[in-house]
C-alpha cells in the first residue's frame, strides 16, 4: 500500500499524507478489482479461465450468436494469450 501511495502521487503528496490512496484501494477491493492480503499487499484480481473465455468474444457478436442459438466462436485471441488481466471494461462491470 505504501508503495502504491508513493508511486501514484507526487513526492510532496506522499510526504504530507503517506496513506492518501488507502480509501481508493479499499473501494477497489470491495468491488472485486483488487485482491489484498493481511500484510497490506495489493494486486489486480486474476480473471478465471471461465470468465477469460467470455471476454474473448465481442459483446455484440455474443448477443447476436445467442439470439440465433449459436455458440459464439472465440475471436483471434487465444485464452492462453489473453493473460490474467482483463480489459478495463470487465473491471468497470464489477
Protein backbone atom coordinates (compact mmCIF):
# COMPACT_ATOMS: atom_id res chain seq x y z
CA UNK A 1 0.00 0.00 0.00
CA UNK A 2 2.79 2.42 0.83
CA UNK A 3 4.48 1.70 -2.48
CA UNK A 4 1.28 2.44 -4.39
CA UNK A 5 0.79 5.68 -2.47
CA UNK A 6 4.41 6.67 -3.08
CA UNK A 7 4.42 5.97 -6.81
CA UNK A 8 0.88 7.03 -7.76
CA UNK A 9 1.17 10.56 -6.40
CA UNK A 10 3.80 13.21 -6.14
CA UNK A 11 6.63 13.19 -3.63
CA UNK A 12 5.07 16.13 -1.81
CA UNK A 13 1.67 14.45 -1.53
CA UNK A 14 3.27 11.30 -0.13
CA UNK A 15 5.21 13.32 2.45
CA UNK A 16 2.09 15.23 3.54
CA UNK A 17 -0.24 12.22 3.67
CA UNK A 18 1.51 8.83 3.27
CA UNK A 19 -1.73 6.80 3.10
CA UNK A 20 -3.71 9.07 0.76
CA UNK A 21 -4.73 6.26 -1.65
CA UNK A 22 -5.96 3.83 1.02
CA UNK A 23 -9.67 4.63 0.57
CA UNK A 24 -9.50 4.15 -3.19
CA UNK A 25 -7.66 0.85 -2.77
CA UNK A 26 -10.25 -0.41 -0.28
CA UNK A 27 -13.09 0.55 -2.64
CA UNK A 28 -11.36 -1.38 -5.43
CA UNK A 29 -11.04 -4.41 -3.13
CA UNK A 30 -14.74 -4.12 -2.29
CA UNK A 31 -15.69 -4.02 -5.98
CA UNK A 32 -13.53 -7.08 -6.70
CA UNK A 33 -10.96 -5.30 -8.85
CA UNK A 34 -8.06 -5.81 -6.44
CA UNK A 35 -7.12 -8.55 -4.00
CA UNK A 36 -5.32 -7.85 -0.75
CA UNK A 37 -3.75 -9.89 1.99
CA UNK A 38 -3.21 -9.36 5.70
CA UNK A 39 0.20 -7.79 5.15
CA UNK A 40 -1.20 -4.91 3.08
CA UNK A 41 -0.14 -6.14 -0.34
CA UNK A 42 -2.48 -5.47 -3.26
CA UNK A 43 -2.69 -6.97 -6.73
CA UNK A 44 -5.14 -6.90 -9.61
CA UNK A 45 -7.61 -9.74 -9.26
CA UNK A 46 -6.94 -12.53 -11.73
CA UNK A 47 -9.65 -13.44 -14.21
CA UNK A 48 -10.80 -17.05 -14.06
CA UNK A 49 -10.44 -19.18 -17.20
CA UNK A 50 -14.22 -19.33 -17.49
CA UNK A 51 -14.52 -15.53 -17.45
CA UNK A 52 -11.45 -15.10 -19.66
CA UNK A 53 -13.06 -17.18 -22.41
CA UNK A 54 -16.16 -14.99 -22.22
CA UNK A 55 -14.02 -11.89 -22.66
CA UNK A 56 -12.57 -13.08 -25.94
CA UNK A 57 -15.81 -12.51 -27.85
CA UNK A 58 -17.14 -9.04 -28.56
CA UNK A 59 -20.39 -8.44 -26.64
CA UNK A 60 -22.35 -7.55 -29.79
CA UNK A 61 -21.25 -10.73 -31.55
CA UNK A 62 -22.05 -12.85 -28.48
CA UNK A 63 -25.54 -11.33 -28.26
CA UNK A 64 -26.29 -11.98 -31.94
CA UNK A 65 -24.96 -15.53 -31.65
CA UNK A 66 -27.10 -16.23 -28.58
CA UNK A 67 -30.20 -14.91 -30.38
CA UNK A 68 -29.51 -17.29 -33.27
CA UNK A 69 -28.93 -20.20 -30.89
CA UNK A 70 -25.28 -20.47 -31.85
CA UNK A 71 -22.30 -20.76 -29.58
CA UNK A 72 -20.08 -17.75 -30.23
CA UNK A 73 -16.64 -18.52 -31.55
CA UNK A 74 -13.58 -17.08 -29.92
CA UNK A 75 -12.00 -14.09 -31.57
CA UNK A 76 -8.48 -14.33 -32.97
CA UNK A 77 -7.01 -14.20 -29.46
CA UNK A 78 -6.48 -17.49 -27.68
CA UNK A 79 -7.30 -17.78 -23.97
CA UNK A 80 -3.66 -18.54 -23.17
CA UNK A 81 -2.55 -15.35 -24.93
CA UNK A 82 -5.12 -13.12 -23.23
CA UNK A 83 -3.23 -13.06 -19.93
CA UNK A 84 -4.65 -12.98 -16.44
CA UNK A 85 -5.67 -9.33 -16.53
CA UNK A 86 -8.94 -8.45 -18.21
CA UNK A 87 -9.63 -5.33 -20.25
CA UNK A 88 -10.87 -2.24 -18.42
CA UNK A 89 -14.47 -2.89 -19.45
CA UNK A 90 -14.51 -6.09 -17.38
CA UNK A 91 -13.49 -4.27 -14.22
CA UNK A 92 -15.99 -1.46 -14.92
CA UNK A 93 -18.80 -4.06 -14.74
CA UNK A 94 -17.84 -5.12 -11.20
